[in-house]
Amino acid sequence: MKESAIQRKITIELEKRGWMVIKLIKTTKNGIPDLMALKEGVTVFVEVKADKGVVSELQKYRHEELRSKGFKVFAWTKFEEFEI
């Protein structure tokens, strides 16, 4: 399945659960995750990968940078339940 189709499915599932989902298309920082989800004052980031996709070193760096600032960051090939 293409990454774009996986991303759509993840977006639909998050929105069903009350999240506002924003696709981050162009940012000033390369490696930022694909999706930002907002709900009740909480922000999480989701990196979407195809089944055999690999998180790049730059993406890993950005994920850790976001985590160090208190955000949750996930890399998914499908929607997964998560705890805040």
PDB file of N, CA and C in Angstrom:
ATOM      1  N   MET A   1       0.843  -1.174   0.000  1.00  0.00           N
ATOM      2  CA  MET A   1       0.000   0.000   0.000  1.00  0.00           C
ATOM      3  C   MET A   1       0.894   1.244   0.000  1.00  0.00           C
ATOM      4  N   LYS A   2       0.521   2.243  -0.767  1.00  0.00           N
ATOM      5  CA  LYS A   2       1.299   3.474  -0.839  1.00  0.00           C
ATOM      6  C   LYS A   2       1.203   4.251   0.466  1.00  0.00           C
ATOM      7  N   GLU A   3       2.267   5.006   0.739  1.00  0.00           N
ATOM      8  CA  GLU A   3       2.315   5.816   1.954  1.00  0.00           C
ATOM      9  C   GLU A   3       1.140   6.791   2.032  1.00  0.00           C
ATOM     10  N   SER A   4       0.743   7.363   0.903  1.00  0.00           N
ATOM     11  CA  SER A   4      -0.366   8.324   0.900  1.00  0.00           C
ATOM     12  C   SER A   4      -1.677   7.660   1.320  1.00  0.00           C
ATOM     13  N   ALA A   5      -1.902   6.423   0.910  1.00  0.00           N
ATOM     14  CA  ALA A   5      -3.119   5.699   1.302  1.00  0.00           C
ATOM     15  C   ALA A   5      -3.091   5.367   2.789  1.00  0.00           C
ATOM     16  N   ILE A   6      -1.931   4.982   3.286  1.00  0.00           N
ATOM     17  CA  ILE A   6      -1.782   4.696   4.717  1.00  0.00           C
ATOM     18  C   ILE A   6      -2.036   5.972   5.513  1.00  0.00           C
ATOM     19  N   GLN A   7      -1.491   7.078   5.022  1.00  0.00           N
ATOM     20  CA  GLN A   7      -1.664   8.360   5.695  1.00  0.00           C
ATOM     21  C   GLN A   7      -3.143   8.743   5.780  1.00  0.00           C
ATOM     22  N   ARG A   8      -3.892   8.523   4.695  1.00  0.00           N
ATOM     23  CA  ARG A   8      -5.329   8.817   4.701  1.00  0.00           C
ATOM     24  C   ARG A   8      -6.051   7.971   5.745  1.00  0.00           C
ATOM     25  N   LYS A   9      -5.726   6.683   5.803  1.00  0.00           N
ATOM     26  CA  LYS A   9      -6.376   5.793   6.778  1.00  0.00           C
ATOM     27  C   LYS A   9      -6.063   6.225   8.213  1.00  0.00           C
ATOM     28  N   ILE A  10      -4.822   6.566   8.471  1.00  0.00           N
ATOM     29  CA  ILE A  10      -4.434   7.024   9.808  1.00  0.00           C
ATOM     30  C   ILE A  10      -5.177   8.307  10.156  1.00  0.00           C
ATOM     31  N   THR A  11      -5.255   9.232   9.207  1.00  0.00           N
ATOM     32  CA  THR A  11      -5.959  10.497   9.442  1.00  0.00           C
ATOM     33  C   THR A  11      -7.421  10.245   9.780  1.00  0.00           C
ATOM     34  N   ILE A  12      -8.070   9.388   9.017  1.00  0.00           N
ATOM     35  CA  ILE A  12      -9.483   9.070   9.269  1.00  0.00           C
ATOM     36  C   ILE A  12      -9.667   8.485  10.663  1.00  0.00           C
ATOM     37  N   GLU A  13      -8.818   7.546  11.051  1.00  0.00           N
ATOM     38  CA  GLU A  13      -8.938   6.912  12.372  1.00  0.00           C
ATOM     39  C   GLU A  13      -8.715   7.917  13.497  1.00  0.00           C
ATOM     40  N   LEU A  14      -7.706   8.775  13.353  1.00  0.00           N
ATOM     41  CA  LEU A  14      -7.461   9.780  14.387  1.00  0.00           C
ATOM     42  C   LEU A  14      -8.642  10.746  14.493  1.00  0.00           C
ATOM     43  N   GLU A  15      -9.176  11.175  13.347  1.00  0.00           N
ATOM     44  CA  GLU A  15     -10.304  12.108  13.372  1.00  0.00           C
ATOM     45  C   GLU A  15     -11.554  11.465  13.968  1.00  0.00           C
ATOM     46  N   LYS A  16     -11.760  10.172  13.762  1.00  0.00           N
ATOM     47  CA  LYS A  16     -12.878   9.456  14.392  1.00  0.00           C
ATOM     48  C   LYS A  16     -12.776   9.532  15.916  1.00  0.00           C
ATOM     49  N   ARG A  17     -11.555   9.607  16.404  1.00  0.00           N
ATOM     50  CA  ARG A  17     -11.307   9.645  17.851  1.00  0.00           C
ATOM     51  C   ARG A  17     -11.202  11.078  18.382  1.00  0.00           C
ATOM     52  N   GLY A  18     -11.580  12.051  17.560  1.00  0.00           N
ATOM     53  CA  GLY A  18     -11.656  13.427  18.014  1.00  0.00           C
ATOM     54  C   GLY A  18     -10.411  14.277  17.823  1.00  0.00           C
ATOM     55  N   TRP A  19      -9.413  13.756  17.121  1.00  0.00           N
ATOM     56  CA  TRP A  19      -8.195  14.524  16.872  1.00  0.00           C
ATOM     57  C   TRP A  19      -8.372  15.426  15.656  1.00  0.00           C
ATOM     58  N   MET A  20      -7.784  16.616  15.696  1.00  0.00           N
ATOM     59  CA  MET A  20      -7.656  17.460  14.509  1.00  0.00           C
ATOM     60  C   MET A  20      -6.312  17.093  13.900  1.00  0.00           C
ATOM     61  N   VAL A  21      -6.317  16.671  12.637  1.00  0.00           N
ATOM     62  CA  VAL A  21      -5.088  16.195  12.002  1.00  0.00           C
ATOM     63  C   VAL A  21      -4.651  17.186  10.922  1.00  0.00           C
ATOM     64  N   ILE A  22      -3.397  17.578  10.989  1.00  0.00           N
ATOM     65  CA  ILE A  22      -2.819  18.508  10.028  1.00  0.00           C
ATOM     66  C   ILE A  22      -1.659  17.815   9.320  1.00  0.00           C
ATOM     67  N   LYS A  23      -1.721  17.796   7.988  1.00  0.00           N
ATOM     68  CA  LYS A  23      -0.631  17.228   7.196  1.00  0.00           C
ATOM     69  C   LYS A  23       0.435  18.312   7.040  1.00  0.00           C
ATOM     70  N   LEU A  24       1.637  18.004   7.495  1.00  0.00           N
ATOM     71  CA  LEU A  24       2.746  18.959   7.417  1.00  0.00           C
ATOM     72  C   LEU A  24       3.463  18.766   6.092  1.00  0.00           C
ATOM     73  N   ILE A  25       3.125  19.596   5.133  1.00  0.00           N
ATOM     74  CA  ILE A  25       3.639  19.435   3.777  1.00  0.00           C
ATOM     75  C   ILE A  25       5.019  20.054   3.623  1.00  0.00           C
ATOM     76  N   LYS A  26       5.140  21.303   3.924  1.00  0.00           N
ATOM     77  CA  LYS A  26       6.402  22.019   3.730  1.00  0.00           C
ATOM     78  C   LYS A  26       6.708  22.771   5.018  1.00  0.00           C
ATOM     79  N   THR A  27       7.807  22.449   5.645  1.00  0.00           N
ATOM     80  CA  THR A  27       8.198  23.135   6.870  1.00  0.00           C
ATOM     81  C   THR A  27       9.600  23.703   6.684  1.00  0.00           C
ATOM     82  N   THR A  28      10.016  24.503   7.634  1.00  0.00           N
ATOM     83  CA  THR A  28      11.366  25.062   7.572  1.00  0.00           C
ATOM     84  C   THR A  28      12.403  24.094   8.113  1.00  0.00           C
ATOM     85  N   LYS A  29      11.960  22.929   8.603  1.00  0.00           N
ATOM     86  CA  LYS A  29      12.882  21.922   9.131  1.00  0.00           C
ATOM     87  C   LYS A  29      12.633  20.591   8.424  1.00  0.00           C
ATOM     88  N   ASN A  30      13.584  20.153   7.632  1.00  0.00           N
ATOM     89  CA  ASN A  30      13.467  18.845   6.992  1.00  0.00           C
ATOM     90  C   ASN A  30      13.447  17.759   8.059  1.00  0.00           C
ATOM     91  N   GLY A  31      12.732  16.675   7.770  1.00  0.00           N
ATOM     92  CA  GLY A  31      12.696  15.549   8.689  1.00  0.00           C
ATOM     93  C   GLY A  31      11.557  15.588   9.689  1.00  0.00           C
ATOM     94  N   ILE A  32      10.757  16.664   9.672  1.00  0.00           N
ATOM     95  CA  ILE A  32       9.608  16.762  10.586  1.00  0.00           C
ATOM     96  C   ILE A  32       8.584  15.704  10.164  1.00  0.00           C
ATOM     97  N   PRO A  33       7.886  15.065  11.127  1.00  0.00           N
ATOM     98  CA  PRO A  33       6.898  14.040  10.786  1.00  0.00           C
ATOM     99  C   PRO A  33       5.807  14.549   9.833  1.00  0.00           C
ATOM    100  N   ASP A  34       5.128  13.592   9.210  1.00  0.00           N
ATOM    101  CA  ASP A  34       4.110  13.891   8.197  1.00  0.00           C
ATOM    102  C   ASP A  34       2.846  14.527   8.763  1.00  0.00           C
ATOM    103  N   LEU A  35       2.417  14.074   9.938  1.00  0.00           N
ATOM    104  CA  LEU A  35       1.151  14.523  10.506  1.00  0.00           C
ATOM    105  C   LEU A  35       1.338  15.110  11.900  1.00  0.00           C
ATOM    106  N   MET A  36       0.533  16.121  12.194  1.00  0.00           N
ATOM    107  CA  MET A  36       0.451  16.667  13.543  1.00  0.00           C
ATOM    108  C   MET A  36      -1.006  16.505  13.960  1.00  0.00           C
ATOM    109  N   ALA A  37      -1.238  15.907  15.114  1.00  0.00           N
ATOM    110  CA  ALA A  37      -2.592  15.675  15.605  1.00  0.00           C
ATOM    111  C   ALA A  37      -2.785  16.437  16.913  1.00  0.00           C
ATOM    112  N   LEU A  38      -3.931  17.130  17.019  1.00  0.00           N
ATOM    113  CA  LEU A  38      -4.220  17.992  18.170  1.00  0.00           C
ATOM    114  C   LEU A  38      -5.540  17.576  18.813  1.00  0.00           C
ATOM    115  N   LYS A  39      -5.528  17.506  20.145  1.00  0.00           N
ATOM    116  CA  LYS A  39      -6.757  17.164  20.871  1.00  0.00           C
ATOM    117  C   LYS A  39      -6.600  17.567  22.330  1.00  0.00           C
ATOM    118  N   GLU A  40      -7.549  18.361  22.815  1.00  0.00           N
ATOM    119  CA  GLU A  40      -7.610  18.725  24.234  1.00  0.00           C
ATOM    120  C   GLU A  40      -6.269  19.236  24.767  1.00  0.00           C
ATOM    121  N   GLY A  41      -5.628  20.105  24.011  1.00  0.00           N
ATOM    122  CA  GLY A  41      -4.364  20.694  24.450  1.00  0.00           C
ATOM    123  C   GLY A  41      -3.146  19.811  24.285  1.00  0.00           C
ATOM    124  N   VAL A  42      -3.304  18.669  23.634  1.00  0.00           N
ATOM    125  CA  VAL A  42      -2.196  17.732  23.425  1.00  0.00           C
ATOM    126  C   VAL A  42      -1.845  17.724  21.940  1.00  0.00           C
ATOM    127  N   THR A  43      -0.558  17.689  21.644  1.00  0.00           N
ATOM    128  CA  THR A  43      -0.073  17.590  20.262  1.00  0.00           C
ATOM    129  C   THR A  43       0.806  16.359  20.140  1.00  0.00           C
ATOM    130  N   VAL A  44       0.529  15.534  19.136  1.00  0.00           N
ATOM    131  CA  VAL A  44       1.381  14.385  18.829  1.00  0.00           C
ATOM    132  C   VAL A  44       1.754  14.453  17.353  1.00  0.00           C
ATOM    133  N   PHE A  45       2.873  13.845  17.021  1.00  0.00           N
ATOM    134  CA  PHE A  45       3.358  13.818  15.649  1.00  0.00           C
ATOM    135  C   PHE A  45       3.419  12.376  15.172  1.00  0.00           C
ATOM    136  N   VAL A  46       3.084  12.164  13.897  1.00  0.00           N
ATOM    137  CA  VAL A  46       3.097  10.822  13.322  1.00  0.00           C
ATOM    138  C   VAL A  46       3.888  10.836  12.016  1.00  0.00           C
ATOM    139  N   GLU A  47       4.916  10.018  11.972  1.00  0.00           N
ATOM    140  CA  GLU A  47       5.675   9.767  10.747  1.00  0.00           C
ATOM    141  C   GLU A  47       5.042   8.552  10.090  1.00  0.00           C
ATOM    142  N   VAL A  48       4.591   8.682   8.860  1.00  0.00           N
ATOM    143  CA  VAL A  48       3.927   7.590   8.157  1.00  0.00           C
ATOM    144  C   VAL A  48       4.919   6.939   7.196  1.00  0.00           C
ATOM    145  N   LYS A  49       4.971   5.627   7.253  1.00  0.00           N
ATOM    146  CA  LYS A  49       5.866   4.873   6.375  1.00  0.00           C
ATOM    147  C   LYS A  49       5.102   3.736   5.709  1.00  0.00           C
ATOM    148  N   ALA A  50       5.460   3.432   4.463  1.00  0.00           N
ATOM    149  CA  ALA A  50       4.935   2.242   3.795  1.00  0.00           C
ATOM    150  C   ALA A  50       5.495   1.025   4.526  1.00  0.00           C
ATOM    151  N   ASP A  51       4.943  -0.135   4.241  1.00  0.00           N
ATOM    152  CA  ASP A  51       5.337  -1.353   4.960  1.00  0.00           C
ATOM    153  C   ASP A  51       6.843  -1.555   5.061  1.00  0.00           C
ATOM    154  N   LYS A  52       7.572  -1.276   4.013  1.00  0.00           N
ATOM    155  CA  LYS A  52       9.021  -1.489   4.022  1.00  0.00           C
ATOM    156  C   LYS A  52       9.791  -0.176   4.133  1.00  0.00           C
ATOM    157  N   GLY A  53       9.072   0.893   4.468  1.00  0.00           N
ATOM    158  CA  GLY A  53       9.709   2.198   4.599  1.00  0.00           C
ATOM    159  C   GLY A  53      10.632   2.250   5.808  1.00  0.00           C
ATOM    160  N   VAL A  54      11.633   3.097   5.727  1.00  0.00           N
ATOM    161  CA  VAL A  54      12.628   3.228   6.792  1.00  0.00           C
ATOM    162  C   VAL A  54      12.684   4.686   7.233  1.00  0.00           C
ATOM    163  N   VAL A  55      12.731   4.894   8.533  1.00  0.00           N
ATOM    164  CA  VAL A  55      12.889   6.241   9.079  1.00  0.00           C
ATOM    165  C   VAL A  55      14.344   6.654   8.864  1.00  0.00           C
ATOM    166  N   SER A  56      14.541   7.791   8.199  1.00  0.00           N
ATOM    167  CA  SER A  56      15.902   8.249   7.900  1.00  0.00           C
ATOM    168  C   SER A  56      16.598   8.757   9.165  1.00  0.00           C
ATOM    169  N   GLU A  57      17.894   8.913   9.079  1.00  0.00           N
ATOM    170  CA  GLU A  57      18.663   9.441  10.214  1.00  0.00           C
ATOM    171  C   GLU A  57      18.207  10.858  10.571  1.00  0.00           C
ATOM    172  N   LEU A  58      17.924  11.677   9.558  1.00  0.00           N
ATOM    173  CA  LEU A  58      17.434  13.032   9.828  1.00  0.00           C
ATOM    174  C   LEU A  58      16.075  12.984  10.517  1.00  0.00           C
ATOM    175  N   GLN A  59      15.198  12.092  10.068  1.00  0.00           N
ATOM    176  CA  GLN A  59      13.890  11.948  10.713  1.00  0.00           C
ATOM    177  C   GLN A  59      14.048  11.488  12.157  1.00  0.00           C
ATOM    178  N   LYS A  60      14.936  10.537  12.405  1.00  0.00           N
ATOM    179  CA  LYS A  60      15.193  10.084  13.781  1.00  0.00           C
ATOM    180  C   LYS A  60      15.666  11.249  14.644  1.00  0.00           C
ATOM    181  N   TYR A  61      16.539  12.072  14.088  1.00  0.00           N
ATOM    182  CA  TYR A  61      17.043  13.246  14.811  1.00  0.00           C
ATOM    183  C   TYR A  61      15.887  14.191  15.159  1.00  0.00           C
ATOM    184  N   ARG A  62      15.031  14.492  14.173  1.00  0.00           N
ATOM    185  CA  ARG A  62      13.892  15.390  14.421  1.00  0.00           C
ATOM    186  C   ARG A  62      12.921  14.783  15.435  1.00  0.00           C
ATOM    187  N   HIS A  63      12.704  13.484  15.364  1.00  0.00           N
ATOM    188  CA  HIS A  63      11.808  12.830  16.318  1.00  0.00           C
ATOM    189  C   HIS A  63      12.343  13.009  17.744  1.00  0.00           C
ATOM    190  N   GLU A  64      13.630  12.784  17.904  1.00  0.00           N
ATOM    191  CA  GLU A  64      14.235  12.952  19.237  1.00  0.00           C
ATOM    192  C   GLU A  64      14.198  14.412  19.677  1.00  0.00           C
ATOM    193  N   GLU A  65      14.390  15.322  18.750  1.00  0.00           N
ATOM    194  CA  GLU A  65      14.309  16.747  19.054  1.00  0.00           C
ATOM    195  C   GLU A  65      12.911  17.093  19.579  1.00  0.00           C
ATOM    196  N   LEU A  66      11.877  16.586  18.922  1.00  0.00           N
ATOM    197  CA  LEU A  66      10.501  16.827  19.370  1.00  0.00           C
ATOM    198  C   LEU A  66      10.239  16.170  20.724  1.00  0.00           C
ATOM    199  N   ARG A  67      10.695  14.943  20.897  1.00  0.00           N
ATOM    200  CA  ARG A  67      10.509  14.252  22.182  1.00  0.00           C
ATOM    201  C   ARG A  67      11.195  15.007  23.320  1.00  0.00           C
ATOM    202  N   SER A  68      12.361  15.585  23.049  1.00  0.00           N
ATOM    203  CA  SER A  68      13.084  16.327  24.091  1.00  0.00           C
ATOM    204  C   SER A  68      12.319  17.584  24.511  1.00  0.00           C
ATOM    205  N   LYS A  69      11.379  18.020  23.676  1.00  0.00           N
ATOM    206  CA  LYS A  69      10.557  19.179  23.991  1.00  0.00           C
ATOM    207  C   LYS A  69       9.210  18.755  24.571  1.00  0.00           C
ATOM    208  N   GLY A  70       9.061  17.459  24.853  1.00  0.00           N
ATOM    209  CA  GLY A  70       7.870  16.964  25.531  1.00  0.00           C
ATOM    210  C   GLY A  70       6.771  16.424  24.637  1.00  0.00           C
ATOM    211  N   PHE A  71       7.001  16.325  23.334  1.00  0.00           N
ATOM    212  CA  PHE A  71       5.983  15.812  22.420  1.00  0.00           C
ATOM    213  C   PHE A  71       6.119  14.307  22.245  1.00  0.00           C
ATOM    214  N   LYS A  72       4.990  13.658  21.961  1.00  0.00           N
ATOM    215  CA  LYS A  72       5.017  12.246  21.594  1.00  0.00           C
ATOM    216  C   LYS A  72       5.150  12.170  20.086  1.00  0.00           C
ATOM    217  N   VAL A  73       6.001  11.264  19.627  1.00  0.00           N
ATOM    218  CA  VAL A  73       6.239  11.071  18.202  1.00  0.00           C
ATOM    219  C   VAL A  73       6.128   9.582  17.905  1.00  0.00           C
ATOM    220  N   PHE A  74       5.380   9.259  16.850  1.00  0.00           N
ATOM    221  CA  PHE A  74       5.177   7.866  16.467  1.00  0.00           C
ATOM    222  C   PHE A  74       5.574   7.676  15.005  1.00  0.00           C
ATOM    223  N   ALA A  75       6.061   6.502  14.667  1.00  0.00           N
ATOM    224  CA  ALA A  75       6.295   6.105  13.277  1.00  0.00           C
ATOM    225  C   ALA A  75       5.394   4.905  13.026  1.00  0.00           C
ATOM    226  N   TRP A  76       4.435   5.061  12.122  1.00  0.00           N
ATOM    227  CA  TRP A  76       3.420   4.031  11.889  1.00  0.00           C
ATOM    228  C   TRP A  76       3.378   3.601  10.432  1.00  0.00           C
ATOM    229  N   THR A  77       3.076   2.308  10.231  1.00  0.00           N
ATOM    230  CA  THR A  77       2.753   1.790   8.901  1.00  0.00           C
ATOM    231  C   THR A  77       1.254   1.538   8.801  1.00  0.00           C
ATOM    232  N   LYS A  78       0.550   1.699   9.930  1.00  0.00           N
ATOM    233  CA  LYS A  78      -0.914   1.605   9.998  1.00  0.00           C
ATOM    234  C   LYS A  78      -1.339   2.337  11.267  1.00  0.00           C
ATOM    235  N   PHE A  79      -2.643   2.583  11.413  1.00  0.00           N
ATOM    236  CA  PHE A  79      -3.102   3.234  12.638  1.00  0.00           C
ATOM    237  C   PHE A  79      -2.860   2.313  13.824  1.00  0.00           C
ATOM    238  N   GLU A  80      -2.377   2.893  14.910  1.00  0.00           N
ATOM    239  CA  GLU A  80      -2.165   2.142  16.148  1.00  0.00           C
ATOM    240  C   GLU A  80      -2.749   2.935  17.305  1.00  0.00           C
ATOM    241  N   GLU A  81      -3.357   2.250  18.243  1.00  0.00           N
ATOM    242  CA  GLU A  81      -3.832   2.904  19.457  1.00  0.00           C
ATOM    243  C   GLU A  81      -2.635   3.393  20.248  1.00  0.00           C
ATOM    244  N   PHE A  82      -2.802   4.494  20.955  1.00  0.00           N
ATOM    245  CA  PHE A  82      -1.700   4.990  21.772  1.00  0.00           C
ATOM    246  C   PHE A  82      -2.250   5.669  23.011  1.00  0.00           C
ATOM    247  N   GLU A  83      -1.429   5.735  24.032  1.00  0.00           N
ATOM    248  CA  GLU A  83      -1.773   6.396  25.291  1.00  0.00           C
ATOM    249  C   GLU A  83      -1.121   7.752  25.316  1.00  0.00           C
ATOM    250  N   ILE A  84      -1.822   8.723  25.836  1.00  0.00           N
ATOM    251  CA  ILE A  84      -1.254  10.077  25.967  1.00  0.00           C
ATOM    252  C   ILE A  84      -0.464  10.165  27.253  1.00  0.00           C
TER     253      ILE A  84
END
